[in-house]
């Protein structure tokens, strides 16, 4: 019963979503730092504009499998996501 109340609390849902977004933002920057260090600033700027965990999760997948820097740059461009 108490768990159900917590699960439905709008404040906690929003907080959890913010925490998830921040975690994914850090993951994206870390992936870019390790794979495409030249694009770190672009990645930091791009993820700062995205708060949706679903969109950020998609970026994690795409950047993890990007075959080269040009593809990663395209993925991080505002028109790609």
PDB file of N, CA and C in Angstrom:
ATOM      1  N   UNK A   1       0.817  -1.189   0.000  1.00  0.00           N
ATOM      2  CA  UNK A   1       0.000   0.000   0.000  1.00  0.00           C
ATOM      3  C   UNK A   1       0.866   1.260   0.000  1.00  0.00           C
ATOM      4  N   UNK A   2       1.830   1.309   0.906  1.00  0.00           N
ATOM      5  CA  UNK A   2       2.715   2.468   0.968  1.00  0.00           C
ATOM      6  C   UNK A   2       3.532   2.582  -0.307  1.00  0.00           C
ATOM      7  N   UNK A   3       4.015   1.459  -0.837  1.00  0.00           N
ATOM      8  CA  UNK A   3       4.774   1.464  -2.090  1.00  0.00           C
ATOM      9  C   UNK A   3       3.939   2.017  -3.236  1.00  0.00           C
ATOM     10  N   UNK A   4       2.675   1.669  -3.239  1.00  0.00           N
ATOM     11  CA  UNK A   4       1.768   2.151  -4.291  1.00  0.00           C
ATOM     12  C   UNK A   4       1.631   3.672  -4.231  1.00  0.00           C
ATOM     13  N   UNK A   5       1.544   4.214  -3.034  1.00  0.00           N
ATOM     14  CA  UNK A   5       1.464   5.668  -2.871  1.00  0.00           C
ATOM     15  C   UNK A   5       2.742   6.332  -3.381  1.00  0.00           C
ATOM     16  N   UNK A   6       3.873   5.755  -3.043  1.00  0.00           N
ATOM     17  CA  UNK A   6       5.145   6.315  -3.508  1.00  0.00           C
ATOM     18  C   UNK A   6       5.271   6.220  -5.024  1.00  0.00           C
ATOM     19  N   UNK A   7       4.852   5.106  -5.587  1.00  0.00           N
ATOM     20  CA  UNK A   7       4.935   4.917  -7.035  1.00  0.00           C
ATOM     21  C   UNK A   7       4.080   5.919  -7.791  1.00  0.00           C
ATOM     22  N   UNK A   8       3.014   6.378  -7.189  1.00  0.00           N
ATOM     23  CA  UNK A   8       2.094   7.295  -7.855  1.00  0.00           C
ATOM     24  C   UNK A   8       2.313   8.757  -7.486  1.00  0.00           C
ATOM     25  N   UNK A   9       3.286   9.036  -6.653  1.00  0.00           N
ATOM     26  CA  UNK A   9       3.551  10.409  -6.231  1.00  0.00           C
ATOM     27  C   UNK A   9       4.162  11.196  -7.388  1.00  0.00           C
ATOM     28  N   UNK A  10       3.523  12.288  -7.817  1.00  0.00           N
ATOM     29  CA  UNK A  10       4.034  13.051  -8.956  1.00  0.00           C
ATOM     30  C   UNK A  10       5.428  13.646  -8.713  1.00  0.00           C
ATOM     31  N   UNK A  11       5.680  14.100  -7.497  1.00  0.00           N
ATOM     32  CA  UNK A  11       7.001  14.655  -7.182  1.00  0.00           C
ATOM     33  C   UNK A  11       8.086  13.600  -7.345  1.00  0.00           C
ATOM     34  N   UNK A  12       7.849  12.412  -6.812  1.00  0.00           N
ATOM     35  CA  UNK A  12       8.846  11.341  -6.904  1.00  0.00           C
ATOM     36  C   UNK A  12       9.028  10.872  -8.338  1.00  0.00           C
ATOM     37  N   UNK A  13       7.948  10.824  -9.108  1.00  0.00           N
ATOM     38  CA  UNK A  13       8.065  10.442 -10.518  1.00  0.00           C
ATOM     39  C   UNK A  13       8.935  11.440 -11.271  1.00  0.00           C
ATOM     40  N   UNK A  14       8.687  12.723 -11.032  1.00  0.00           N
ATOM     41  CA  UNK A  14       9.471  13.769 -11.701  1.00  0.00           C
ATOM     42  C   UNK A  14      10.935  13.695 -11.279  1.00  0.00           C
ATOM     43  N   UNK A  15      11.160  13.492  -9.996  1.00  0.00           N
ATOM     44  CA  UNK A  15      12.532  13.384  -9.489  1.00  0.00           C
ATOM     45  C   UNK A  15      13.247  12.191 -10.111  1.00  0.00           C
ATOM     46  N   UNK A  16      12.567  11.060 -10.176  1.00  0.00           N
ATOM     47  CA  UNK A  16      13.160   9.867 -10.775  1.00  0.00           C
ATOM     48  C   UNK A  16      13.487  10.089 -12.241  1.00  0.00           C
ATOM     49  N   UNK A  17      12.615  10.796 -12.943  1.00  0.00           N
ATOM     50  CA  UNK A  17      12.862  11.078 -14.357  1.00  0.00           C
ATOM     51  C   UNK A  17      14.071  11.997 -14.520  1.00  0.00           C
ATOM     52  N   UNK A  18      14.208  12.986 -13.646  1.00  0.00           N
ATOM     53  CA  UNK A  18      15.359  13.882 -13.703  1.00  0.00           C
ATOM     54  C   UNK A  18      16.655  13.125 -13.420  1.00  0.00           C
ATOM     55  N   UNK A  19      16.616  12.251 -12.435  1.00  0.00           N
ATOM     56  CA  UNK A  19      17.807  11.454 -12.099  1.00  0.00           C
ATOM     57  C   UNK A  19      18.181  10.542 -13.261  1.00  0.00           C
ATOM     58  N   UNK A  20      17.187   9.918 -13.871  1.00  0.00           N
ATOM     59  CA  UNK A  20      17.444   9.044 -15.023  1.00  0.00           C
ATOM     60  C   UNK A  20      18.041   9.846 -16.172  1.00  0.00           C
ATOM     61  N   UNK A  21      17.503  11.029 -16.432  1.00  0.00           N
ATOM     62  CA  UNK A  21      18.014  11.873 -17.512  1.00  0.00           C
ATOM     63  C   UNK A  21      19.459  12.292 -17.232  1.00  0.00           C
ATOM     64  N   UNK A  22      19.751  12.687 -16.016  1.00  0.00           N
ATOM     65  CA  UNK A  22      21.113  13.101 -15.667  1.00  0.00           C
ATOM     66  C   UNK A  22      22.093  11.944 -15.815  1.00  0.00           C
ATOM     67  N   UNK A  23      21.684  10.777 -15.409  1.00  0.00           N
ATOM     68  CA  UNK A  23      22.542   9.594 -15.531  1.00  0.00           C
ATOM     69  C   UNK A  23      22.819   9.287 -16.991  1.00  0.00           C
ATOM     70  N   UNK A  24      21.800   9.352 -17.826  1.00  0.00           N
ATOM     71  CA  UNK A  24      21.984   9.088 -19.255  1.00  0.00           C
ATOM     72  C   UNK A  24      22.805  10.188 -19.928  1.00  0.00           C
ATOM     73  N   UNK A  25      22.631  11.422 -19.500  1.00  0.00           N
ATOM     74  CA  UNK A  25      23.441  12.517 -20.046  1.00  0.00           C
ATOM     75  C   UNK A  25      24.921  12.265 -19.765  1.00  0.00           C
ATOM     76  N   UNK A  26      25.225  11.864 -18.537  1.00  0.00           N
ATOM     77  CA  UNK A  26      26.627  11.570 -18.190  1.00  0.00           C
ATOM     78  C   UNK A  26      27.147  10.383 -18.991  1.00  0.00           C
ATOM     79  N   UNK A  27      26.300   9.389 -19.198  1.00  0.00           N
ATOM     80  CA  UNK A  27      26.704   8.213 -19.976  1.00  0.00           C
ATOM     81  C   UNK A  27      27.029   8.600 -21.411  1.00  0.00           C
ATOM     82  N   UNK A  28      26.221   9.460 -21.997  1.00  0.00           N
ATOM     83  CA  UNK A  28      26.463   9.894 -23.380  1.00  0.00           C
ATOM     84  C   UNK A  28      27.783  10.631 -23.483  1.00  0.00           C
ATOM     85  N   UNK A  29      28.019  11.550 -22.583  1.00  0.00           N
ATOM     86  CA  UNK A  29      29.279  12.300 -22.622  1.00  0.00           C
ATOM     87  C   UNK A  29      30.461  11.354 -22.416  1.00  0.00           C
ATOM     88  N   UNK A  30      30.311  10.381 -21.548  1.00  0.00           N
ATOM     89  CA  UNK A  30      31.383   9.415 -21.316  1.00  0.00           C
ATOM     90  C   UNK A  30      31.646   8.568 -22.561  1.00  0.00           C
ATOM     91  N   UNK A  31      30.593   8.122 -23.217  1.00  0.00           N
ATOM     92  CA  UNK A  31      30.757   7.340 -24.455  1.00  0.00           C
ATOM     93  C   UNK A  31      31.492   8.169 -25.492  1.00  0.00           C
ATOM     94  N   UNK A  32      31.065   9.404 -25.649  1.00  0.00           N
ATOM     95  CA  UNK A  32      31.703  10.277 -26.645  1.00  0.00           C
ATOM     96  C   UNK A  32      33.152  10.553 -26.254  1.00  0.00           C
ATOM     97  N   UNK A  33      33.412  10.776 -24.974  1.00  0.00           N
ATOM     98  CA  UNK A  33      34.777  11.051 -24.520  1.00  0.00           C
ATOM     99  C   UNK A  33      35.713   9.874 -24.849  1.00  0.00           C
ATOM    100  N   UNK A  34      35.220   8.676 -24.706  1.00  0.00           N
ATOM    101  CA  UNK A  34      36.039   7.489 -24.953  1.00  0.00           C
ATOM    102  C   UNK A  34      36.179   7.165 -26.443  1.00  0.00           C
ATOM    103  N   UNK A  35      35.127   7.406 -27.211  1.00  0.00           N
ATOM    104  CA  UNK A  35      35.142   7.005 -28.617  1.00  0.00           C
ATOM    105  C   UNK A  35      35.498   8.141 -29.568  1.00  0.00           C
ATOM    106  N   UNK A  36      35.025   9.355 -29.262  1.00  0.00           N
ATOM    107  CA  UNK A  36      35.206  10.493 -30.156  1.00  0.00           C
ATOM    108  C   UNK A  36      35.543  11.744 -29.337  1.00  0.00           C
ATOM    109  N   UNK A  37      36.738  11.791 -28.754  1.00  0.00           N
ATOM    110  CA  UNK A  37      37.082  12.876 -27.828  1.00  0.00           C
ATOM    111  C   UNK A  37      36.922  14.280 -28.421  1.00  0.00           C
ATOM    112  N   UNK A  38      37.035  14.390 -29.721  1.00  0.00           N
ATOM    113  CA  UNK A  38      36.903  15.695 -30.357  1.00  0.00           C
ATOM    114  C   UNK A  38      35.483  16.242 -30.277  1.00  0.00           C
ATOM    115  N   UNK A  39      34.526  15.384 -29.970  1.00  0.00           N
ATOM    116  CA  UNK A  39      33.120  15.781 -29.966  1.00  0.00           C
ATOM    117  C   UNK A  39      32.538  15.975 -28.562  1.00  0.00           C
ATOM    118  N   UNK A  40      33.388  15.969 -27.545  1.00  0.00           N
ATOM    119  CA  UNK A  40      32.890  16.060 -26.164  1.00  0.00           C
ATOM    120  C   UNK A  40      32.095  17.343 -25.936  1.00  0.00           C
ATOM    121  N   UNK A  41      32.608  18.467 -26.384  1.00  0.00           N
ATOM    122  CA  UNK A  41      31.905  19.743 -26.175  1.00  0.00           C
ATOM    123  C   UNK A  41      30.543  19.723 -26.857  1.00  0.00           C
ATOM    124  N   UNK A  42      30.496  19.219 -28.077  1.00  0.00           N
ATOM    125  CA  UNK A  42      29.223  19.103 -28.794  1.00  0.00           C
ATOM    126  C   UNK A  42      28.252  18.205 -28.029  1.00  0.00           C
ATOM    127  N   UNK A  43      28.750  17.091 -27.532  1.00  0.00           N
ATOM    128  CA  UNK A  43      27.898  16.166 -26.774  1.00  0.00           C
ATOM    129  C   UNK A  43      27.362  16.835 -25.503  1.00  0.00           C
ATOM    130  N   UNK A  44      28.215  17.544 -24.791  1.00  0.00           N
ATOM    131  CA  UNK A  44      27.781  18.227 -23.565  1.00  0.00           C
ATOM    132  C   UNK A  44      26.693  19.255 -23.873  1.00  0.00           C
ATOM    133  N   UNK A  45      26.891  20.009 -24.953  1.00  0.00           N
ATOM    134  CA  UNK A  45      25.898  21.022 -25.335  1.00  0.00           C
ATOM    135  C   UNK A  45      24.578  20.363 -25.739  1.00  0.00           C
ATOM    136  N   UNK A  46      24.680  19.291 -26.486  1.00  0.00           N
ATOM    137  CA  UNK A  46      23.477  18.622 -27.006  1.00  0.00           C
ATOM    138  C   UNK A  46      22.659  17.984 -25.880  1.00  0.00           C
ATOM    139  N   UNK A  47      23.308  17.237 -24.997  1.00  0.00           N
ATOM    140  CA  UNK A  47      22.545  16.549 -23.947  1.00  0.00           C
ATOM    141  C   UNK A  47      21.952  17.522 -22.935  1.00  0.00           C
ATOM    142  N   UNK A  48      22.555  18.699 -22.807  1.00  0.00           N
ATOM    143  CA  UNK A  48      22.005  19.697 -21.888  1.00  0.00           C
ATOM    144  C   UNK A  48      20.618  20.160 -22.329  1.00  0.00           C
ATOM    145  N   UNK A  49      20.305  19.984 -23.605  1.00  0.00           N
ATOM    146  CA  UNK A  49      19.016  20.413 -24.145  1.00  0.00           C
ATOM    147  C   UNK A  49      17.947  19.323 -24.114  1.00  0.00           C
ATOM    148  N   UNK A  50      18.348  18.112 -23.724  1.00  0.00           N
ATOM    149  CA  UNK A  50      17.419  16.973 -23.773  1.00  0.00           C
ATOM    150  C   UNK A  50      17.131  16.482 -22.361  1.00  0.00           C
ATOM    151  N   UNK A  51      15.841  16.416 -22.027  1.00  0.00           N
ATOM    152  CA  UNK A  51      15.467  15.947 -20.688  1.00  0.00           C
ATOM    153  C   UNK A  51      14.702  14.628 -20.713  1.00  0.00           C
ATOM    154  N   UNK A  52      14.378  14.141 -21.888  1.00  0.00           N
ATOM    155  CA  UNK A  52      13.616  12.898 -21.997  1.00  0.00           C
ATOM    156  C   UNK A  52      14.532  11.680 -21.885  1.00  0.00           C
ATOM    157  N   UNK A  53      14.334  10.847 -20.859  1.00  0.00           N
ATOM    158  CA  UNK A  53      15.152   9.640 -20.741  1.00  0.00           C
ATOM    159  C   UNK A  53      15.047   8.724 -21.962  1.00  0.00           C
ATOM    160  N   UNK A  54      13.888   8.687 -22.598  1.00  0.00           N
ATOM    161  CA  UNK A  54      13.725   7.836 -23.783  1.00  0.00           C
ATOM    162  C   UNK A  54      14.616   8.300 -24.937  1.00  0.00           C
ATOM    163  N   UNK A  55      14.654   9.604 -25.169  1.00  0.00           N
ATOM    164  CA  UNK A  55      15.494  10.156 -26.237  1.00  0.00           C
ATOM    165  C   UNK A  55      16.967   9.950 -25.890  1.00  0.00           C
ATOM    166  N   UNK A  56      17.313  10.199 -24.639  1.00  0.00           N
ATOM    167  CA  UNK A  56      18.705  10.023 -24.212  1.00  0.00           C
ATOM    168  C   UNK A  56      19.138   8.566 -24.328  1.00  0.00           C
ATOM    169  N   UNK A  57      18.252   7.645 -23.981  1.00  0.00           N
ATOM    170  CA  UNK A  57      18.580   6.218 -24.101  1.00  0.00           C
ATOM    171  C   UNK A  57      18.830   5.851 -25.561  1.00  0.00           C
ATOM    172  N   UNK A  58      18.056   6.407 -26.445  1.00  0.00           N
ATOM    173  CA  UNK A  58      18.247   6.157 -27.877  1.00  0.00           C
ATOM    174  C   UNK A  58      19.610   6.691 -28.330  1.00  0.00           C
ATOM    175  N   UNK A  59      19.980   7.860 -27.835  1.00  0.00           N
ATOM    176  CA  UNK A  59      21.298   8.415 -28.169  1.00  0.00           C
ATOM    177  C   UNK A  59      22.422   7.523 -27.647  1.00  0.00           C
ATOM    178  N   UNK A  60      22.259   6.968 -26.460  1.00  0.00           N
ATOM    179  CA  UNK A  60      23.266   6.045 -25.922  1.00  0.00           C
ATOM    180  C   UNK A  60      23.484   4.895 -26.899  1.00  0.00           C
ATOM    181  N   UNK A  61      22.395   4.306 -27.355  1.00  0.00           N
ATOM    182  CA  UNK A  61      22.498   3.186 -28.291  1.00  0.00           C
ATOM    183  C   UNK A  61      23.140   3.579 -29.596  1.00  0.00           C
ATOM    184  N   UNK A  62      22.711   4.702 -30.150  1.00  0.00           N
ATOM    185  CA  UNK A  62      23.253   5.125 -31.447  1.00  0.00           C
ATOM    186  C   UNK A  62      24.733   5.498 -31.354  1.00  0.00           C
ATOM    187  N   UNK A  63      25.114   6.211 -30.290  1.00  0.00           N
ATOM    188  CA  UNK A  63      26.515   6.619 -30.160  1.00  0.00           C
ATOM    189  C   UNK A  63      27.418   5.439 -29.810  1.00  0.00           C
ATOM    190  N   UNK A  64      26.873   4.459 -29.126  1.00  0.00           N
ATOM    191  CA  UNK A  64      27.659   3.271 -28.788  1.00  0.00           C
ATOM    192  C   UNK A  64      28.028   2.466 -30.028  1.00  0.00           C
ATOM    193  N   UNK A  65      27.190   2.559 -31.043  1.00  0.00           N
ATOM    194  CA  UNK A  65      27.416   1.761 -32.248  1.00  0.00           C
ATOM    195  C   UNK A  65      27.808   2.596 -33.462  1.00  0.00           C
ATOM    196  N   UNK A  66      27.989   3.890 -33.268  1.00  0.00           N
ATOM    197  CA  UNK A  66      28.386   4.759 -34.382  1.00  0.00           C
ATOM    198  C   UNK A  66      29.730   4.282 -34.939  1.00  0.00           C
ATOM    199  N   UNK A  67      29.805   4.060 -36.251  1.00  0.00           N
ATOM    200  CA  UNK A  67      31.027   3.510 -36.823  1.00  0.00           C
ATOM    201  C   UNK A  67      32.184   4.498 -36.932  1.00  0.00           C
ATOM    202  N   UNK A  68      31.866   5.805 -36.919  1.00  0.00           N
ATOM    203  CA  UNK A  68      32.947   6.788 -37.070  1.00  0.00           C
ATOM    204  C   UNK A  68      32.518   8.146 -36.520  1.00  0.00           C
ATOM    205  N   UNK A  69      33.466   9.065 -36.484  1.00  0.00           N
ATOM    206  CA  UNK A  69      33.213  10.381 -35.910  1.00  0.00           C
ATOM    207  C   UNK A  69      32.164  11.167 -36.691  1.00  0.00           C
ATOM    208  N   UNK A  70      32.174  11.046 -38.005  1.00  0.00           N
ATOM    209  CA  UNK A  70      31.178  11.772 -38.807  1.00  0.00           C
ATOM    210  C   UNK A  70      29.762  11.322 -38.473  1.00  0.00           C
ATOM    211  N   UNK A  71      29.579  10.035 -38.273  1.00  0.00           N
ATOM    212  CA  UNK A  71      28.260   9.517 -37.902  1.00  0.00           C
ATOM    213  C   UNK A  71      27.879  10.024 -36.518  1.00  0.00           C
ATOM    214  N   UNK A  72      28.819  10.009 -35.583  1.00  0.00           N
ATOM    215  CA  UNK A  72      28.550  10.509 -34.234  1.00  0.00           C
ATOM    216  C   UNK A  72      28.190  11.997 -34.280  1.00  0.00           C
ATOM    217  N   UNK A  73      28.895  12.761 -35.091  1.00  0.00           N
ATOM    218  CA  UNK A  73      28.601  14.195 -35.225  1.00  0.00           C
ATOM    219  C   UNK A  73      27.166  14.382 -35.762  1.00  0.00           C
ATOM    220  N   UNK A  74      26.791  13.572 -36.735  1.00  0.00           N
ATOM    221  CA  UNK A  74      25.438  13.650 -37.285  1.00  0.00           C
ATOM    222  C   UNK A  74      24.393  13.304 -36.223  1.00  0.00           C
ATOM    223  N   UNK A  75      24.664  12.268 -35.446  1.00  0.00           N
ATOM    224  CA  UNK A  75      23.734  11.852 -34.385  1.00  0.00           C
ATOM    225  C   UNK A  75      23.558  12.978 -33.360  1.00  0.00           C
ATOM    226  N   UNK A  76      24.633  13.689 -33.086  1.00  0.00           N
ATOM    227  CA  UNK A  76      24.573  14.766 -32.094  1.00  0.00           C
ATOM    228  C   UNK A  76      24.032  16.082 -32.660  1.00  0.00           C
ATOM    229  N   UNK A  77      23.848  16.143 -33.963  1.00  0.00           N
ATOM    230  CA  UNK A  77      23.326  17.379 -34.548  1.00  0.00           C
ATOM    231  C   UNK A  77      21.853  17.536 -34.173  1.00  0.00           C
ATOM    232  N   UNK A  78      21.403  18.766 -33.993  1.00  0.00           N
ATOM    233  CA  UNK A  78      20.020  18.999 -33.552  1.00  0.00           C
ATOM    234  C   UNK A  78      18.961  18.412 -34.478  1.00  0.00           C
ATOM    235  N   UNK A  79      19.238  18.311 -35.748  1.00  0.00           N
ATOM    236  CA  UNK A  79      18.220  17.803 -36.679  1.00  0.00           C
ATOM    237  C   UNK A  79      18.134  16.294 -36.682  1.00  0.00           C
ATOM    238  N   UNK A  80      19.116  15.593 -36.114  1.00  0.00           N
ATOM    239  CA  UNK A  80      19.131  14.126 -36.148  1.00  0.00           C
ATOM    240  C   UNK A  80      18.222  13.507 -35.094  1.00  0.00           C
ATOM    241  N   UNK A  81      18.158  14.114 -33.923  1.00  0.00           N
ATOM    242  CA  UNK A  81      17.407  13.477 -32.826  1.00  0.00           C
ATOM    243  C   UNK A  81      16.065  14.053 -32.633  1.00  0.00           C
TER     244      UNK A  81
END
